[in-house]
Amino acid sequence: MLRIGQIKIPYREKDSRAFEAAVKKLHIQEKEVLSWRIFKKSIDARKKQEIMAVYTLDIQLKRENTFLKRCRNKNVHKVLEEAYKFPEAGAKRLRYPIVIAGSGPAGLFCGLMLARHGYAPVILERGMDVDKRQAVVKQFWEKGEFHSETNVQFGEGGAGTFSDGKLNTLVKDPYGRHRKVLELFVEFGGSPEITYVNKPHIGTDVLCHIVKAMREEIIRLGGQVRFESKLTDIRIEKGELKALCVNDELWIDCECLVLAVGHSARDTFYMLKKQGLPMSAKSFAVGLRIEHPQSMINQSQYGMERDEILGSASYKLTHTASNGRGVYTFCMCPGGYVVNASSETGGCVVNGMSYHGRNSENANSAVVVTVTPEDFPSEDVLAGVEFQRFWEGRAYRQGDGKVPVQLYGDFCEGKVSEAFGEVRPVHKGATAFADLNKCLPAYVCDSIKEGIEAFGHKIENYNRPDAVLSGVETRTSSPVRMERGTNFQSEIRGIYPCGEGAGYAGGITSAAMDGLRVAEAIRKVYCPKAAMMEVVKKARDKTEEKIIGGIHHV
């Protein structure tokens, strides 16, 4: 297989034109090609009058070695396609089912891989299934009826279910896990283009269908998914897990527990601390969410207010404030909504969310500032949790239970806004005018103001006075890290910390990849039951094989 990069065609052209351009660039005839596929696709909009689509293609030739001997193109090289490989099973026999606490990306992907190899895991999810969850969340946004166990943070699919559904990651991946995760998303309902576009995105509406389909597959393969079932305690003997408790009443014998509880499972963090699970406080970021007209962002990035092919433009901005703190945009949602993402009574948290079409009037992004354990109120391992709670409580009180909002110009002057300007907020949940300077530490507010002013030099009018700010964004990542060794286990044997809540991921894709890593680690220790392997075999026989990745045979 040959990989050919830097193939540029006008962005309005069809993908097949990239193949034609590659054939011409390689000075070959189409009949010499066996197959081709898109490996990567991005947009180069640096020249607004000449926006180009940039492709990297994988092409299989009939006589590749002969071609390479005469090829002098530095953008062409041979690649050996190495598919993701799940390891061979270990020899240790399981006495009890593997239990996974949490059905976010880490828990779901870990559970799926284990189910497909005969382990029949049991997934415990504290919230409701995704259909009931959507109804409960809608009720909260429209009527303010809060549910502590089923909300934007808790329930099937985890916090990522109500997000933009971004699938890009900065994690270096030589083992094929990233590709495997994207292929699984496609298998369960995602668009095939997410395997090759530069900034893949699913959207909350599509993601809801995908997590449901994954759950149904796990059950079909002999696994179980138990909703409204919260991990509330564990029993340890001689440094080894022996049992776990569900909902403070049902004890289950357990020798293998995957902790994929998510970054907002604070009650679980406190229980684990009490039981002596090794953890450490870690840095994260806090800030506010800002809204601009999507047409303004499109104009800046593409030189036009709207284009059906390019869609809603995104951005990523960074700045180092004069106080030395990093300020950056986080979880930018083109054509999205700002949502009330609270998960505790008396606290207010916001997040960004987009549907697959990304077609709301506004672009929104968090503008956040890094905080470290030195900023927390104590040296306790969970001091970061208390830091979050304190400022979420302030935001809740400032907004009188609603999301506090303020125009950027008024935020700079420290006065409560009286009316919106040209930028009208696009929210899920009620809002109230308040002074956001009272919702975060002064050093964070000062850094945000300085950052937004700097961003105004990169995107015209980013610092416009009527940009709408909402608060507070505090759940950018987990405030703790659950320590684990090279075998992915805690010092408490049988416990596998996993995903974003454990401090090993930051987003949907990296969490799913960590779910694969933990499933691999468990596989290397334990062997599946023979009876379950027969169930898996029969299920596979009934499943129609799908071709993923957009391979075009010539």
Protein backbone atom coordinates (compact mmCIF):
# COMPACT_ATOMS: atom_id res chain seq x y z
CA MET A 1 0.00 0.00 0.00
CA LEU A 2 1.31 3.46 -0.94
CA ARG A 3 0.42 6.60 1.01
CA ILE A 4 0.32 9.80 -1.04
CA GLY A 5 0.01 13.14 0.74
CA GLN A 6 -0.58 16.78 -0.18
CA ILE A 7 -3.18 16.14 -2.85
CA LYS A 8 -5.05 19.42 -3.19
CA ILE A 9 -8.27 20.04 -5.08
CA PRO A 10 -10.91 22.82 -4.82
CA TYR A 11 -13.05 22.07 -1.77
CA ARG A 12 -16.27 21.88 -3.78
CA GLU A 13 -14.99 18.97 -5.88
CA LYS A 14 -16.02 15.36 -5.13
CA ASP A 15 -13.65 13.00 -3.34
CA SER A 16 -13.17 11.02 -6.54
CA ARG A 17 -11.39 14.04 -8.02
CA ALA A 18 -8.66 13.57 -5.39
CA PHE A 19 -8.05 10.07 -6.74
CA GLU A 20 -7.86 11.42 -10.29
CA ALA A 21 -5.40 14.10 -9.12
CA ALA A 22 -3.29 11.45 -7.37
CA VAL A 23 -3.12 9.28 -10.50
CA LYS A 24 -1.97 12.30 -12.48
CA LYS A 25 0.54 13.30 -9.80
CA LEU A 26 2.04 9.79 -9.77
CA HIS A 27 2.24 9.66 -13.58
CA ILE A 28 0.42 6.33 -13.70
CA GLN A 29 -2.68 5.00 -15.41
CA GLU A 30 -5.86 4.16 -13.56
CA LYS A 31 -5.68 0.53 -14.70
CA GLU A 32 -2.49 0.11 -12.59
CA VAL A 33 -4.51 0.74 -9.40
CA LEU A 34 -6.14 -2.13 -7.50
CA SER A 35 -7.88 -0.03 -4.82
CA TRP A 36 -7.73 3.29 -3.00
CA ARG A 37 -9.16 4.99 0.07
CA ILE A 38 -9.02 8.33 1.84
CA PHE A 39 -6.64 8.23 4.79
CA LYS A 40 -6.97 11.90 5.78
CA LYS A 41 -8.89 14.93 4.58
CA SER A 42 -8.64 18.50 5.80
CA ILE A 43 -9.45 22.02 4.67
CA ASP A 44 -6.80 24.64 3.86
CA ALA A 45 -8.53 28.03 4.14
CA ARG A 46 -5.47 30.23 4.49
CA LYS A 47 -6.24 31.76 1.10
CA LYS A 48 -9.88 32.75 1.43
CA GLN A 49 -10.34 33.11 -2.33
CA GLU A 50 -8.82 29.70 -2.99
CA ILE A 51 -9.98 27.26 -0.31
CA MET A 52 -8.66 23.78 -0.95
CA ALA A 53 -9.40 20.28 0.31
CA VAL A 54 -6.16 18.50 1.19
CA TYR A 55 -6.07 14.71 0.97
CA THR A 56 -3.80 11.86 1.94
CA LEU A 57 -4.74 8.73 -0.01
CA ASP A 58 -3.81 5.09 0.42
CA ILE A 59 -3.44 3.47 -3.01
CA GLN A 60 -2.70 -0.16 -3.81
CA LEU A 61 -0.86 -0.70 -7.11
CA LYS A 62 -0.34 -3.88 -9.05
CA ARG A 63 3.44 -3.38 -9.12
CA GLU A 64 4.28 -1.20 -6.14
CA ASN A 65 7.95 -2.11 -5.80
CA THR A 66 8.61 -1.37 -9.45
CA PHE A 67 6.84 1.97 -9.10
CA LEU A 68 8.80 2.94 -5.95
CA LYS A 69 12.13 2.37 -7.69
CA ARG A 70 11.37 5.16 -10.16
CA CYS A 71 9.28 7.41 -7.87
CA ARG A 72 10.97 10.64 -6.71
CA ASN A 73 7.94 12.23 -5.04
CA LYS A 74 8.76 12.94 -1.37
CA ASN A 75 5.05 12.80 -0.49
CA VAL A 76 4.82 9.12 -1.46
CA HIS A 77 5.92 6.27 0.79
CA LYS A 78 5.06 2.64 1.38
CA VAL A 79 3.00 1.73 4.45
CA LEU A 80 2.37 -1.61 6.08
CA GLU A 81 -1.21 -1.68 7.28
CA GLU A 82 -1.23 -3.15 10.79
CA ALA A 83 -4.72 -3.75 12.07
CA TYR A 84 -5.54 -3.43 15.76
CA LYS A 85 -4.93 -6.71 17.57
CA PHE A 86 -6.62 -7.78 20.78
CA PRO A 87 -4.12 -9.85 22.83
CA GLU A 88 -4.22 -13.55 23.53
CA ALA A 89 -6.12 -14.61 26.65
CA GLY A 90 -4.42 -15.27 29.96
CA ALA A 91 -4.77 -18.50 31.94
CA LYS A 92 -6.41 -17.33 35.17
CA ARG A 93 -10.03 -18.42 35.58
CA LEU A 94 -12.70 -15.96 36.66
CA ARG A 95 -14.93 -17.03 39.53
CA TYR A 96 -17.29 -14.05 39.11
CA PRO A 97 -18.26 -11.78 36.20
CA ILE A 98 -16.11 -8.75 35.42
CA VAL A 99 -17.91 -5.60 36.61
CA ILE A 100 -17.55 -2.22 34.91
CA ALA A 101 -18.74 0.83 36.87
CA GLY A 102 -19.85 3.44 34.35
CA SER A 103 -21.24 3.36 30.80
CA GLY A 104 -19.42 6.33 29.32
CA PRO A 105 -16.99 5.84 26.41
CA ALA A 106 -14.37 4.12 28.60
CA GLY A 107 -16.84 1.69 30.16
CA LEU A 108 -18.77 0.99 26.95
CA PHE A 109 -15.73 0.31 24.79
CA CYS A 110 -14.09 -1.78 27.49
CA GLY A 111 -17.33 -3.74 27.91
CA LEU A 112 -17.79 -4.19 24.18
CA MET A 113 -14.30 -5.61 23.64
CA LEU A 114 -14.64 -7.96 26.60
CA ALA A 115 -18.11 -9.09 25.47
CA ARG A 116 -16.82 -9.81 21.98
CA HIS A 117 -14.20 -12.12 23.44
CA GLY A 118 -16.41 -14.15 25.72
CA TYR A 119 -16.17 -12.41 29.11
CA ALA A 120 -19.84 -11.37 29.46
CA PRO A 121 -19.17 -8.29 31.63
CA VAL A 122 -21.71 -6.60 33.88
CA ILE A 123 -21.91 -2.82 33.40
CA LEU A 124 -23.31 -0.80 36.28
CA GLU A 125 -24.68 2.64 35.35
CA ARG A 126 -25.92 4.98 38.08
CA GLY A 127 -28.22 6.84 35.67
CA MET A 128 -30.99 5.83 33.30
CA ASP A 129 -30.79 4.41 29.79
CA VAL A 130 -30.30 6.97 27.04
CA ASP A 131 -33.97 7.19 26.03
CA LYS A 132 -35.21 7.90 29.56
CA ARG A 133 -32.17 10.07 30.17
CA GLN A 134 -33.01 12.37 27.24
CA ALA A 135 -36.52 12.86 28.62
CA VAL A 136 -35.24 13.63 32.14
CA VAL A 137 -32.62 16.09 30.86
CA LYS A 138 -35.19 17.82 28.65
CA GLN A 139 -37.47 18.20 31.68
CA PHE A 140 -34.59 19.77 33.62
CA TRP A 141 -33.78 22.22 30.85
CA GLU A 142 -37.40 23.22 30.25
CA LYS A 143 -38.86 23.11 33.78
CA GLY A 144 -35.87 23.04 36.13
CA GLU A 145 -36.74 19.61 37.57
CA PHE A 146 -33.33 18.31 38.67
CA HIS A 147 -32.44 14.62 38.98
CA SER A 148 -29.26 13.89 40.93
CA GLU A 149 -28.53 10.51 39.30
CA THR A 150 -29.71 11.13 35.73
CA ASN A 151 -28.57 14.38 34.16
CA VAL A 152 -26.07 15.78 31.64
CA GLN A 153 -23.20 14.12 33.53
CA PHE A 154 -24.76 10.79 34.59
CA GLY A 155 -26.60 8.19 32.55
CA GLU A 156 -25.99 5.92 29.57
CA GLY A 157 -23.16 7.24 27.40
CA GLY A 158 -21.66 9.42 30.12
CA ALA A 159 -21.04 13.16 29.94
CA GLY A 160 -20.06 12.93 26.25
CA THR A 161 -23.62 12.04 25.25
CA PHE A 162 -24.62 15.70 25.69
CA SER A 163 -21.65 17.34 24.01
CA ASP A 164 -20.42 18.23 20.55
CA GLY A 165 -19.37 14.62 20.01
CA LYS A 166 -15.82 15.51 18.96
CA LEU A 167 -13.67 12.48 18.14
CA ASN A 168 -10.26 14.10 17.62
CA THR A 169 -7.50 13.33 20.11
CA LEU A 170 -3.87 14.31 20.70
CA VAL A 171 -3.01 10.86 22.08
CA LYS A 172 -0.12 9.23 20.20
CA ASP A 173 -1.25 5.82 19.00
CA PRO A 174 1.15 3.30 17.43
CA TYR A 175 -1.12 0.32 18.22
CA GLY A 176 -4.19 1.12 16.10
CA ARG A 177 -6.54 1.84 19.01
CA HIS A 178 -7.55 5.24 17.64
CA ARG A 179 -8.49 3.75 14.29
CA LYS A 180 -10.31 0.89 16.03
CA VAL A 181 -12.40 3.29 18.10
CA LEU A 182 -13.43 5.26 15.03
CA GLU A 183 -14.28 2.07 13.14
CA LEU A 184 -16.47 0.92 16.02
CA PHE A 185 -18.29 4.25 16.00
CA VAL A 186 -18.95 3.72 12.28
CA GLU A 187 -20.08 0.13 12.86
CA PHE A 188 -22.71 1.30 15.34
CA GLY A 189 -24.07 4.18 13.29
CA GLY A 190 -21.47 6.89 12.74
CA SER A 191 -20.67 8.30 9.31
CA PRO A 192 -17.69 6.59 7.60
CA GLU A 193 -16.07 10.01 7.08
CA ILE A 194 -15.17 10.20 10.78
CA THR A 195 -12.37 7.73 10.04
CA TYR A 196 -10.52 10.24 7.87
CA VAL A 197 -11.66 13.86 8.29
CA ASN A 198 -9.30 16.13 10.19
CA LYS A 199 -11.74 17.05 12.97
CA PRO A 200 -14.28 14.20 13.22
CA HIS A 201 -17.55 14.94 14.94
CA ILE A 202 -20.71 12.93 15.62
CA GLY A 203 -23.17 15.18 17.44
CA THR A 204 -25.31 14.41 20.46
CA ASP A 205 -28.31 13.24 18.43
CA VAL A 206 -26.32 10.55 16.59
CA LEU A 207 -24.30 9.63 19.67
CA CYS A 208 -27.47 8.71 21.55
CA HIS A 209 -28.29 6.08 18.91
CA ILE A 210 -24.73 4.75 18.89
CA VAL A 211 -24.44 4.15 22.64
CA LYS A 212 -27.80 2.37 22.62
CA ALA A 213 -26.68 0.11 19.75
CA MET A 214 -23.44 -0.70 21.59
CA ARG A 215 -25.36 -1.62 24.72
CA GLU A 216 -27.64 -3.91 22.74
CA GLU A 217 -24.59 -5.63 21.23
CA ILE A 218 -23.05 -6.21 24.67
CA ILE A 219 -26.30 -7.78 25.88
CA ARG A 220 -26.60 -9.88 22.70
CA LEU A 221 -23.16 -11.31 23.45
CA GLY A 222 -24.14 -12.37 26.96
CA GLY A 223 -23.21 -9.26 28.94
CA GLN A 224 -25.48 -7.25 31.22
CA VAL A 225 -26.13 -3.52 31.55
CA ARG A 226 -27.88 -2.52 34.77
CA PHE A 227 -29.23 1.03 34.94
CA GLU A 228 -29.92 3.05 38.10
CA SER A 229 -27.25 0.90 39.74
CA LYS A 230 -24.57 2.95 41.48
CA LEU A 231 -21.34 1.59 42.91
CA THR A 232 -21.52 2.70 46.54
CA ASP A 233 -18.91 0.62 48.37
CA ILE A 234 -16.20 -2.02 47.96
CA ARG A 235 -14.86 -4.73 50.25
CA ILE A 236 -11.11 -5.31 50.37
CA GLU A 237 -9.22 -8.10 52.10
CA LYS A 238 -5.42 -8.27 52.26
CA GLY A 239 -5.04 -5.68 49.51
CA GLU A 240 -7.40 -7.47 47.13
CA LEU A 241 -10.93 -6.67 45.94
CA LYS A 242 -13.49 -9.18 47.20
CA ALA A 243 -16.92 -7.61 46.68
CA LEU A 244 -18.77 -4.44 45.76
CA CYS A 245 -22.03 -2.84 46.86
CA VAL A 246 -24.74 -1.46 44.58
CA ASN A 247 -27.12 1.26 45.76
CA ASP A 248 -26.06 0.77 49.41
CA GLU A 249 -27.98 -2.50 49.62
CA LEU A 250 -26.83 -5.27 47.26
CA TRP A 251 -23.40 -6.85 47.77
CA ILE A 252 -21.87 -8.71 44.80
CA ASP A 253 -18.79 -10.93 44.90
CA CYS A 254 -16.24 -9.45 42.54
CA GLU A 255 -12.57 -10.04 41.73
CA CYS A 256 -12.24 -7.70 38.73
CA LEU A 257 -13.70 -4.17 38.75
CA VAL A 258 -13.17 -1.50 36.08
CA LEU A 259 -13.62 1.99 37.52
CA ALA A 260 -14.91 4.03 34.55
CA VAL A 261 -17.06 6.34 36.67
CA GLY A 262 -16.47 9.65 34.84
CA HIS A 263 -15.07 12.98 35.99
CA SER A 264 -18.14 14.02 37.99
CA ALA A 265 -18.64 10.95 40.24
CA ARG A 266 -17.63 12.84 43.36
CA ASP A 267 -19.47 10.60 45.81
CA THR A 268 -17.59 7.64 44.32
CA PHE A 269 -14.28 9.50 44.70
CA TYR A 270 -14.98 10.03 48.40
CA MET A 271 -15.93 6.37 48.89
CA LEU A 272 -12.72 5.23 47.18
CA LYS A 273 -10.66 7.62 49.28
CA LYS A 274 -12.23 6.18 52.43
CA GLN A 275 -11.37 2.66 51.24
CA GLY A 276 -7.75 3.62 50.68
CA LEU A 277 -7.57 3.59 46.88
CA PRO A 278 -4.36 5.45 45.96
CA MET A 279 -5.25 8.76 44.30
CA SER A 280 -3.59 12.12 43.71
CA ALA A 281 -4.91 15.61 43.02
CA LYS A 282 -4.31 16.87 39.48
CA SER A 283 -4.56 20.10 37.53
CA PHE A 284 -7.57 20.96 35.40
CA ALA A 285 -9.07 24.15 33.97
CA VAL A 286 -11.98 26.41 34.86
CA GLY A 287 -13.62 29.33 33.10
CA LEU A 288 -16.66 30.61 31.24
CA ARG A 289 -18.40 29.80 27.97
CA ILE A 290 -18.56 32.52 25.29
CA GLU A 291 -21.04 32.85 22.41
CA HIS A 292 -20.63 34.63 19.08
CA PRO A 293 -22.69 34.56 15.88
CA GLN A 294 -21.60 31.51 13.86
CA SER A 295 -21.63 33.75 10.76
CA MET A 296 -18.90 35.88 12.35
CA ILE A 297 -16.69 32.84 12.93
CA ASN A 298 -17.35 31.57 9.40
CA GLN A 299 -16.37 34.95 7.97
CA SER A 300 -13.11 34.92 9.90
CA GLN A 301 -12.16 31.34 9.07
CA TYR A 302 -13.55 30.95 5.54
CA GLY A 303 -14.09 34.48 4.24
CA MET A 304 -17.85 33.93 3.93
CA GLU A 305 -20.74 33.90 6.38
CA ARG A 306 -22.20 30.60 5.24
CA ASP A 307 -21.27 27.66 3.04
CA GLU A 308 -23.18 24.38 2.86
CA ILE A 309 -20.12 22.30 2.04
CA LEU A 310 -17.73 23.78 4.60
CA GLY A 311 -20.40 23.90 7.29
CA SER A 312 -19.92 25.75 10.56
CA ALA A 313 -16.32 26.78 11.17
CA SER A 314 -14.42 25.98 14.34
CA TYR A 315 -11.42 27.56 16.05
CA LYS A 316 -8.80 26.87 18.69
CA LEU A 317 -7.05 29.74 20.47
CA THR A 318 -4.39 29.98 23.17
CA HIS A 319 -2.72 32.78 25.14
CA THR A 320 -0.32 33.08 28.05
CA ALA A 321 -1.59 35.74 30.44
CA SER A 322 0.68 38.28 32.13
CA ASN A 323 0.25 36.35 35.40
CA GLY A 324 1.82 33.32 33.71
CA ARG A 325 -1.36 31.28 33.47
CA GLY A 326 -2.42 29.57 30.26
CA VAL A 327 -5.73 30.69 28.75
CA TYR A 328 -7.27 28.64 25.96
CA THR A 329 -10.51 27.77 24.24
CA PHE A 330 -11.91 24.36 25.11
CA CYS A 331 -14.63 22.13 23.65
CA MET A 332 -15.54 24.64 20.95
CA CYS A 333 -19.01 23.92 19.55
CA PRO A 334 -19.73 25.25 16.04
CA GLY A 335 -23.44 25.84 15.53
CA GLY A 336 -24.02 24.63 19.08
CA TYR A 337 -25.81 25.29 22.34
CA VAL A 338 -24.70 26.23 25.84
CA VAL A 339 -26.29 23.74 28.23
CA ASN A 340 -26.90 23.61 31.95
CA ALA A 341 -24.79 20.57 32.86
CA SER A 342 -25.27 20.58 36.64
CA SER A 343 -25.06 17.30 38.53
CA GLU A 344 -25.41 18.39 42.18
CA THR A 345 -28.09 20.27 44.05
CA GLY A 346 -27.01 23.85 44.70
CA GLY A 347 -24.36 23.97 41.99
CA CYS A 348 -24.35 25.33 38.43
CA VAL A 349 -22.13 24.02 35.63
CA VAL A 350 -22.23 24.77 31.90
CA ASN A 351 -21.00 22.86 28.88
CA GLY A 352 -21.27 23.08 25.10
CA MET A 353 -23.35 20.77 22.91
CA SER A 354 -23.99 20.41 19.18
CA TYR A 355 -26.26 18.26 17.09
CA HIS A 356 -24.83 16.51 14.05
CA GLY A 357 -25.97 19.33 11.74
CA ARG A 358 -24.25 22.03 13.82
CA ASN A 359 -26.90 24.47 12.62
CA SER A 360 -27.73 26.80 15.52
CA GLU A 361 -27.14 30.53 15.09
CA ASN A 362 -24.22 30.69 17.51
CA ALA A 363 -20.74 29.31 17.96
CA ASN A 364 -19.74 28.74 21.56
CA SER A 365 -16.58 27.72 23.35
CA ALA A 366 -15.27 27.60 26.86
CA VAL A 367 -12.48 30.05 27.62
CA VAL A 368 -10.63 28.40 30.47
CA VAL A 369 -7.61 28.92 32.70
CA THR A 370 -5.42 26.17 34.14
CA VAL A 371 -5.58 25.69 37.92
CA THR A 372 -3.20 23.47 39.86
CA PRO A 373 -3.27 21.76 43.26
CA GLU A 374 -1.46 24.85 44.62
CA ASP A 375 -4.69 26.81 43.96
CA PHE A 376 -6.88 24.38 45.90
CA PRO A 377 -8.06 25.12 49.47
CA SER A 378 -6.03 22.31 51.07
CA GLU A 379 -3.57 19.51 50.36
CA ASP A 380 -6.29 16.88 50.55
CA VAL A 381 -6.42 14.54 47.56
CA LEU A 382 -9.97 15.72 46.83
CA ALA A 383 -9.30 19.43 47.35
CA GLY A 384 -9.90 19.96 43.63
CA VAL A 385 -13.44 18.65 44.06
CA GLU A 386 -14.05 21.17 46.84
CA PHE A 387 -12.59 23.92 44.67
CA GLN A 388 -15.07 23.05 41.92
CA ARG A 389 -17.99 22.81 44.34
CA PHE A 390 -17.27 26.20 45.89
CA TRP A 391 -17.36 28.10 42.60
CA GLU A 392 -20.27 26.08 41.22
CA GLY A 393 -22.19 27.04 44.36
CA ARG A 394 -21.33 30.71 43.82
CA ALA A 395 -22.57 30.52 40.23
CA TYR A 396 -25.80 28.83 41.35
CA ARG A 397 -26.50 31.56 43.89
CA GLN A 398 -25.58 34.39 41.50
CA GLY A 399 -28.06 33.04 38.95
CA ASP A 400 -30.66 32.11 41.58
CA GLY A 401 -30.60 28.53 40.30
CA LYS A 402 -30.39 29.52 36.63
CA VAL A 403 -27.30 29.77 34.45
CA PRO A 404 -25.70 33.18 35.20
CA VAL A 405 -24.94 35.16 32.02
CA GLN A 406 -23.27 38.48 31.29
CA LEU A 407 -22.20 40.47 28.25
CA TYR A 408 -18.43 40.53 27.80
CA GLY A 409 -18.28 44.35 27.98
CA ASP A 410 -20.16 44.34 31.30
CA PHE A 411 -17.94 41.51 32.58
CA CYS A 412 -14.92 43.75 31.98
CA GLU A 413 -16.62 46.65 33.82
CA GLY A 414 -17.92 44.46 36.66
CA LYS A 415 -21.59 45.34 36.25
CA VAL A 416 -24.67 43.16 35.78
CA SER A 417 -26.02 43.28 32.22
CA GLU A 418 -29.53 44.60 31.65
CA ALA A 419 -30.24 43.36 28.10
CA PHE A 420 -28.68 41.34 25.31
CA GLY A 421 -27.15 43.05 22.28
CA GLU A 422 -27.01 41.64 18.77
CA VAL A 423 -25.74 38.30 20.09
CA ARG A 424 -28.71 36.38 21.45
CA PRO A 425 -27.90 33.38 23.66
CA VAL A 426 -28.70 29.88 22.37
CA HIS A 427 -29.14 27.85 25.55
CA LYS A 428 -30.61 24.65 26.91
CA GLY A 429 -31.84 25.74 30.32
CA ALA A 430 -32.96 29.02 31.88
CA THR A 431 -30.58 31.98 32.26
CA ALA A 432 -30.34 35.03 34.52
CA PHE A 433 -28.16 38.14 34.36
CA ALA A 434 -25.44 38.18 37.01
CA ASP A 435 -21.88 39.36 37.62
CA LEU A 436 -19.63 36.46 36.60
CA ASN A 437 -16.67 38.11 38.34
CA LYS A 438 -18.22 36.73 41.53
CA CYS A 439 -18.37 33.19 40.15
CA LEU A 440 -14.65 32.50 39.71
CA PRO A 441 -11.37 33.53 41.40
CA ALA A 442 -10.10 36.99 40.45
CA TYR A 443 -6.95 35.56 38.86
CA VAL A 444 -9.11 33.40 36.58
CA CYS A 445 -11.39 36.30 35.61
CA ASP A 446 -8.42 38.59 34.91
CA SER A 447 -6.80 35.88 32.77
CA ILE A 448 -10.02 35.34 30.80
CA LYS A 449 -10.36 39.06 30.07
CA GLU A 450 -6.76 39.26 28.91
CA GLY A 451 -7.17 36.12 26.84
CA ILE A 452 -10.35 37.31 25.10
CA GLU A 453 -8.66 40.61 24.23
CA ALA A 454 -5.74 38.68 22.73
CA PHE A 455 -8.14 36.41 20.83
CA GLY A 456 -9.67 39.57 19.32
CA HIS A 457 -6.42 40.04 17.40
CA LYS A 458 -6.76 36.55 15.91
CA ILE A 459 -10.50 36.48 15.15
CA GLU A 460 -11.98 39.87 14.34
CA ASN A 461 -14.58 41.02 16.90
CA TYR A 462 -13.98 38.05 19.19
CA ASN A 463 -13.81 40.63 22.00
CA ARG A 464 -17.01 42.38 20.94
CA PRO A 465 -18.81 43.87 23.99
CA ASP A 466 -22.08 42.02 23.33
CA ALA A 467 -20.54 38.52 23.22
CA VAL A 468 -22.46 36.44 25.77
CA LEU A 469 -20.63 34.77 28.66
CA SER A 470 -22.11 31.94 30.78
CA GLY A 471 -20.79 30.28 33.90
CA VAL A 472 -19.23 28.27 35.17
CA GLU A 473 -17.19 25.71 33.20
CA THR A 474 -15.45 23.55 35.82
CA ARG A 475 -15.67 19.96 34.51
CA THR A 476 -12.97 20.17 31.83
CA SER A 477 -11.29 17.04 33.22
CA SER A 478 -11.12 14.97 36.38
CA PRO A 479 -9.73 16.68 39.50
CA VAL A 480 -8.07 13.41 40.57
CA ARG A 481 -5.94 10.61 39.20
CA MET A 482 -6.45 7.08 40.45
CA GLU A 483 -2.99 5.57 40.48
CA ARG A 484 -2.39 2.41 38.47
CA GLY A 485 0.64 0.33 37.55
CA THR A 486 1.97 -0.95 34.26
CA ASN A 487 -0.57 -3.79 34.49
CA PHE A 488 -3.31 -1.10 34.66
CA GLN A 489 -4.33 -2.24 38.16
CA SER A 490 -4.48 -0.19 41.32
CA GLU A 491 -2.41 -1.20 44.32
CA ILE A 492 -5.68 -2.78 45.39
CA ARG A 493 -5.51 -5.90 43.23
CA GLY A 494 -8.48 -6.49 40.98
CA ILE A 495 -9.33 -2.78 40.52
CA TYR A 496 -8.65 -1.23 37.12
CA PRO A 497 -8.97 2.62 37.04
CA CYS A 498 -10.08 3.64 33.57
CA GLY A 499 -10.95 6.65 31.43
CA GLU A 500 -11.46 10.32 32.14
CA GLY A 501 -12.75 9.99 35.69
CA ALA A 502 -9.63 8.06 36.66
CA GLY A 503 -7.44 10.78 35.14
CA TYR A 504 -6.24 8.91 32.04
CA ALA A 505 -8.24 10.58 29.26
CA GLY A 506 -9.65 13.89 28.12
CA GLY A 507 -12.57 13.47 25.74
CA ILE A 508 -14.65 10.80 24.06
CA THR A 509 -11.98 9.22 21.89
CA SER A 510 -9.14 9.11 24.42
CA ALA A 511 -11.55 7.67 27.01
CA ALA A 512 -12.68 4.97 24.57
CA MET A 513 -9.03 4.19 23.77
CA ASP A 514 -8.29 3.81 27.46
CA GLY A 515 -11.26 1.45 27.68
CA LEU A 516 -9.55 -0.68 25.04
CA ARG A 517 -6.25 -0.57 26.97
CA VAL A 518 -7.90 -1.79 30.16
CA ALA A 519 -9.81 -4.52 28.30
CA GLU A 520 -6.48 -5.68 26.85
CA ALA A 521 -4.90 -5.75 30.31
CA ILE A 522 -7.76 -7.85 31.69
CA ARG A 523 -7.60 -10.17 28.68
CA LYS A 524 -3.90 -10.86 29.33
CA VAL A 525 -4.71 -12.08 32.85
CA TYR A 526 -8.02 -13.93 32.54
CA CYS A 527 -9.41 -16.54 30.18
CA PRO A 528 -13.05 -16.37 29.01
CA LYS A 529 -15.56 -19.07 29.81
CA ALA A 530 -15.93 -21.70 27.10
CA ALA A 531 -19.72 -21.48 27.26
CA MET A 532 -19.61 -17.74 26.57
CA MET A 533 -17.27 -18.21 23.64
CA GLU A 534 -19.94 -20.40 22.04
CA VAL A 535 -22.50 -17.58 22.55
CA VAL A 536 -20.09 -15.12 20.94
CA LYS A 537 -19.47 -17.46 18.00
CA LYS A 538 -23.18 -17.86 17.31
CA ALA A 539 -23.71 -14.08 17.56
CA ARG A 540 -20.88 -13.47 15.11
CA ASP A 541 -22.29 -15.98 12.67
CA LYS A 542 -25.54 -14.02 12.60
CA THR A 543 -23.83 -10.67 12.11
CA GLU A 544 -23.36 -9.46 8.56
CA GLU A 545 -19.76 -8.40 8.01
CA LYS A 546 -19.36 -4.68 7.32
CA ILE A 547 -16.63 -3.00 5.27
CA ILE A 548 -15.37 0.07 7.07
CA GLY A 549 -13.04 2.77 5.82
CA GLY A 550 -14.34 3.64 2.35
CA ILE A 551 -12.18 1.33 0.21
CA HIS A 552 -12.75 1.86 -3.51
CA HIS A 553 -11.89 -1.09 -5.75
CA VAL A 554 -10.82 -0.13 -9.27
